[in-house]
C-alpha atoms as a PDB file:
ATOM      1  CA  MET A   1     147.183 -62.772  11.786  1.00  0.00           C
ATOM      2  CA  VAL A   2     143.766 -62.353  13.378  1.00  0.00           C
ATOM      3  CA  ARG A   3     143.379 -59.318  15.578  1.00  0.00           C
ATOM      4  CA  ILE A   4     140.607 -59.179  18.144  1.00  0.00           C
ATOM      5  CA  ILE A   5     139.565 -55.765  19.356  1.00  0.00           C
ATOM      6  CA  PHE A   6     137.672 -55.531  22.622  1.00  0.00           C
ATOM      7  CA  ASP A   7     135.202 -52.655  22.660  1.00  0.00           C
ATOM      8  CA  MET A   8     135.095 -52.283  26.407  1.00  0.00           C
ATOM      9  CA  LYS A   9     134.459 -49.222  28.488  1.00  0.00           C
ATOM     10  CA  LYS A  10     137.356 -48.147  30.691  1.00  0.00           C
ATOM     11  CA  GLU A  11     135.741 -49.708  33.752  1.00  0.00           C
ATOM     12  CA  GLU A  12     135.400 -53.040  31.941  1.00  0.00           C
ATOM     13  CA  LYS A  13     139.102 -53.783  31.749  1.00  0.00           C
ATOM     14  CA  LEU A  14     141.477 -55.630  34.022  1.00  0.00           C
ATOM     15  CA  LEU A  15     142.790 -52.966  36.397  1.00  0.00           C
ATOM     16  CA  LYS A  16     145.596 -54.786  38.236  1.00  0.00           C
ATOM     17  CA  ILE A  17     146.489 -58.003  40.003  1.00  0.00           C
ATOM     18  CA  ASP A  18     144.291 -57.761  43.064  1.00  0.00           C
ATOM     19  CA  ASN A  19     145.601 -60.704  45.043  1.00  0.00           C
ATOM     20  CA  VAL A  20     147.475 -63.961  45.112  1.00  0.00           C
ATOM     21  CA  LEU A  21     146.088 -66.596  47.480  1.00  0.00           C
ATOM     22  CA  PHE A  22     148.057 -69.378  49.181  1.00  0.00           C
ATOM     23  CA  LYS A  23     146.868 -72.137  51.495  1.00  0.00           C
ATOM     24  CA  VAL A  24     149.071 -72.619  54.572  1.00  0.00           C
ATOM     25  CA  ASN A  25     149.081 -75.108  57.443  1.00  0.00           C
ATOM     26  CA  ASN A  26     149.528 -72.641  60.302  1.00  0.00           C
ATOM     27  CA  LEU A  27     148.219 -69.082  59.934  1.00  0.00           C
ATOM     28  CA  GLU A  28     150.185 -67.570  62.816  1.00  0.00           C
ATOM     29  CA  ARG A  29     153.502 -69.122  61.852  1.00  0.00           C
ATOM     30  CA  SER A  30     153.018 -68.279  58.171  1.00  0.00           C
ATOM     31  CA  SER A  31     151.867 -64.759  58.999  1.00  0.00           C
ATOM     32  CA  ASN A  32     155.145 -64.137  60.831  1.00  0.00           C
ATOM     33  CA  PHE A  33     157.097 -65.648  57.939  1.00  0.00           C
ATOM     34  CA  TYR A  34     155.465 -63.451  55.271  1.00  0.00           C
ATOM     35  CA  GLN A  35     156.089 -60.337  57.340  1.00  0.00           C
ATOM     36  CA  GLN A  36     159.640 -61.093  58.459  1.00  0.00           C
ATOM     37  CA  GLU A  37     161.068 -62.855  55.410  1.00  0.00           C
ATOM     38  CA  PHE A  38     159.261 -61.023  52.598  1.00  0.00           C
ATOM     39  CA  GLY A  39     158.767 -57.615  54.212  1.00  0.00           C
ATOM     40  CA  LEU A  40     155.022 -57.596  53.641  1.00  0.00           C
ATOM     41  CA  LYS A  41     152.717 -55.530  55.860  1.00  0.00           C
ATOM     42  CA  LYS A  42     149.828 -57.341  57.524  1.00  0.00           C
ATOM     43  CA  LEU A  43     146.637 -55.489  56.591  1.00  0.00           C
ATOM     44  CA  TRP A  44     143.828 -57.592  57.895  1.00  0.00           C
ATOM     45  CA  GLU A  45     142.825 -60.878  59.478  1.00  0.00           C
ATOM     46  CA  ASP A  46     139.516 -62.703  59.089  1.00  0.00           C
ATOM     47  CA  LYS A  47     139.376 -65.272  61.885  1.00  0.00           C
ATOM     48  CA  LYS A  48     135.991 -66.619  60.773  1.00  0.00           C
ATOM     49  CA  ASN A  49     137.261 -67.501  57.278  1.00  0.00           C
ATOM     50  CA  LYS A  50     140.797 -68.270  58.493  1.00  0.00           C
ATOM     51  CA  MET A  51     142.471 -65.684  56.227  1.00  0.00           C
ATOM     52  CA  VAL A  52     145.203 -63.048  56.589  1.00  0.00           C
ATOM     53  CA  GLY A  53     145.966 -60.334  54.034  1.00  0.00           C
ATOM     54  CA  PHE A  54     149.310 -58.633  53.378  1.00  0.00           C
ATOM     55  CA  VAL A  55     150.266 -55.728  51.133  1.00  0.00           C
ATOM     56  CA  PHE A  56     153.465 -55.042  49.230  1.00  0.00           C
ATOM     57  CA  PRO A  57     155.642 -52.054  50.176  1.00  0.00           C
ATOM     58  CA  LYS A  58     155.268 -50.371  46.750  1.00  0.00           C
ATOM     59  CA  ASN A  59     151.661 -51.113  45.744  1.00  0.00           C
ATOM     60  CA  ASP A  60     148.336 -52.288  47.118  1.00  0.00           C
ATOM     61  CA  SER A  61     148.184 -55.753  45.550  1.00  0.00           C
ATOM     62  CA  GLU A  62     147.728 -58.344  48.263  1.00  0.00           C
ATOM     63  CA  ILE A  63     149.035 -61.749  49.199  1.00  0.00           C
ATOM     64  CA  VAL A  64     146.355 -63.598  51.124  1.00  0.00           C
ATOM     65  CA  ILE A  65     147.130 -66.722  53.133  1.00  0.00           C
ATOM     66  CA  HIS A  66     144.423 -68.986  54.450  1.00  0.00           C
ATOM     67  CA  ASN A  67     143.722 -72.231  56.226  1.00  0.00           C
ATOM     68  CA  ASN A  68     140.196 -72.739  54.938  1.00  0.00           C
ATOM     69  CA  LYS A  69     139.258 -76.102  53.440  1.00  0.00           C
ATOM     70  CA  ASN A  70     136.681 -74.405  51.184  1.00  0.00           C
ATOM     71  CA  LEU A  71     139.274 -72.258  49.388  1.00  0.00           C
ATOM     72  CA  PRO A  72     141.776 -73.416  46.761  1.00  0.00           C
ATOM     73  CA  LYS A  73     145.411 -74.157  47.575  1.00  0.00           C
ATOM     74  CA  PHE A  74     146.517 -71.452  45.129  1.00  0.00           C
ATOM     75  CA  ASP A  75     144.585 -68.766  43.294  1.00  0.00           C
ATOM     76  CA  PHE A  76     144.928 -65.226  41.994  1.00  0.00           C
ATOM     77  CA  SER A  77     142.492 -62.567  40.852  1.00  0.00           C
ATOM     78  CA  PHE A  78     142.504 -59.552  38.587  1.00  0.00           C
ATOM     79  CA  LEU A  79     140.614 -56.514  39.839  1.00  0.00           C
ATOM     80  CA  VAL A  80     137.757 -55.077  37.781  1.00  0.00           C
ATOM     81  CA  LYS A  81     135.370 -52.291  38.665  1.00  0.00           C
ATOM     82  CA  ASN A  82     132.215 -54.449  38.563  1.00  0.00           C
ATOM     83  CA  VAL A  83     132.240 -58.206  37.956  1.00  0.00           C
ATOM     84  CA  ASN A  84     128.597 -58.400  36.854  1.00  0.00           C
ATOM     85  CA  ASP A  85     129.030 -55.639  34.259  1.00  0.00           C
ATOM     86  CA  PHE A  86     132.303 -57.146  33.040  1.00  0.00           C
ATOM     87  CA  VAL A  87     130.798 -60.634  32.666  1.00  0.00           C
ATOM     88  CA  ASN A  88     127.672 -59.335  30.899  1.00  0.00           C
ATOM     89  CA  HIS A  89     129.758 -57.349  28.421  1.00  0.00           C
ATOM     90  CA  PHE A  90     132.108 -60.305  27.907  1.00  0.00           C
ATOM     91  CA  LEU A  91     129.198 -62.668  27.177  1.00  0.00           C
ATOM     92  CA  LYS A  92     127.568 -60.176  24.768  1.00  0.00           C
ATOM     93  CA  LYS A  93     130.801 -60.257  22.760  1.00  0.00           C
ATOM     94  CA  GLY A  94     130.376 -64.019  22.362  1.00  0.00           C
ATOM     95  CA  PHE A  95     133.085 -65.081  24.798  1.00  0.00           C
ATOM     96  CA  LYS A  96     132.647 -67.783  27.417  1.00  0.00           C
ATOM     97  CA  ILE A  97     132.930 -67.873  31.165  1.00  0.00           C
ATOM     98  CA  PHE A  98     134.014 -70.749  33.387  1.00  0.00           C
ATOM     99  CA  GLN A  99     132.283 -69.623  36.587  1.00  0.00           C
ATOM    100  CA  LYS A 100     129.354 -67.246  36.897  1.00  0.00           C
ATOM    101  CA  PRO A 101     129.643 -64.386  39.397  1.00  0.00           C
ATOM    102  CA  ILE A 102     129.416 -65.401  43.042  1.00  0.00           C
ATOM    103  CA  ASN A 103     129.427 -63.383  46.242  1.00  0.00           C
ATOM    104  CA  VAL A 104     132.724 -63.159  48.117  1.00  0.00           C
ATOM    105  CA  ARG A 105     133.678 -61.114  51.171  1.00  0.00           C
ATOM    106  CA  CYS A 106     134.763 -58.029  49.176  1.00  0.00           C
ATOM    107  CA  GLY A 107     132.118 -58.154  46.419  1.00  0.00           C
ATOM    108  CA  LYS A 108     131.820 -60.489  43.431  1.00  0.00           C
ATOM    109  CA  TYR A 109     134.109 -63.071  41.808  1.00  0.00           C
ATOM    110  CA  ALA A 110     133.885 -64.864  38.446  1.00  0.00           C
ATOM    111  CA  VAL A 111     136.157 -66.762  36.095  1.00  0.00           C
ATOM    112  CA  LEU A 112     136.370 -65.910  32.401  1.00  0.00           C
ATOM    113  CA  LEU A 113     137.832 -68.041  29.629  1.00  0.00           C
ATOM    114  CA  ASP A 114     140.257 -66.576  27.116  1.00  0.00           C
ATOM    115  CA  LEU A 115     140.414 -67.773  23.519  1.00  0.00           C
ATOM    116  CA  ASP A 116     142.560 -70.775  24.515  1.00  0.00           C
ATOM    117  CA  HIS A 117     140.356 -71.648  27.505  1.00  0.00           C
ATOM    118  CA  ASN A 118     142.784 -70.302  30.092  1.00  0.00           C
ATOM    119  CA  LYS A 119     140.927 -69.347  33.245  1.00  0.00           C
ATOM    120  CA  ILE A 120     141.003 -65.614  34.029  1.00  0.00           C
ATOM    121  CA  PRO A 121     139.660 -64.964  37.567  1.00  0.00           C
ATOM    122  CA  ILE A 122     138.206 -61.519  38.213  1.00  0.00           C
ATOM    123  CA  ILE A 123     137.100 -59.879  41.435  1.00  0.00           C
ATOM    124  CA  ASP A 124     135.600 -56.563  42.450  1.00  0.00           C
ATOM    125  CA  LEU A 125     135.410 -54.514  45.631  1.00  0.00           C
ATOM    126  CA  THR A 126     131.733 -53.604  45.389  1.00  0.00           C
ATOM    127  CA  SER A 127     131.079 -54.596  49.014  1.00  0.00           C
ATOM    128  CA  PHE A 128     133.853 -52.172  50.023  1.00  0.00           C
ATOM    129  CA  ASN A 129     132.534 -49.245  47.878  1.00  0.00           C
ATOM    130  CA  ASN A 130     135.188 -50.091  45.241  1.00  0.00           C
ATOM    131  CA  LYS A 131     138.060 -49.134  47.543  1.00  0.00           C
ATOM    132  CA  PRO A 132     140.558 -51.351  49.326  1.00  0.00           C
ATOM    133  CA  LYS A 133     138.985 -51.669  52.774  1.00  0.00           C
ATOM    134  CA  TYR A 134     142.149 -51.807  54.817  1.00  0.00           C
ATOM    135  CA  LEU A 135     144.426 -49.257  53.175  1.00  0.00           C
ATOM    136  CA  LYS A 136     144.608 -45.796  54.688  1.00  0.00           C
END
């Protein structure tokens, strides 16, 4: 058995599931559905990007619905402290990435590849001072 040890600083680890993203046909109708049927709390709405974010009752992971042709039908992201630092450290270890860091509304986003070439999307909150913007 081969054992791979990652020598990463604490801030260069996956912290949690940040969000799960779904494409919907009607934002208003789906927003009501996610609140009423799943008991999620609506946190924010971005009319420009046609997105609505919801939070779970027991944690701050989000479900985000959208009706934006430029976003995927389904996606998810793992939260990291800083995408650029994570990617640089990952590459120095000899691992590969699928997508270099790009700017997104909350900070940066990139996609890593694991040893079997599974895509591991990561995101940070650097544009929000590393704190969920909408939680009180």
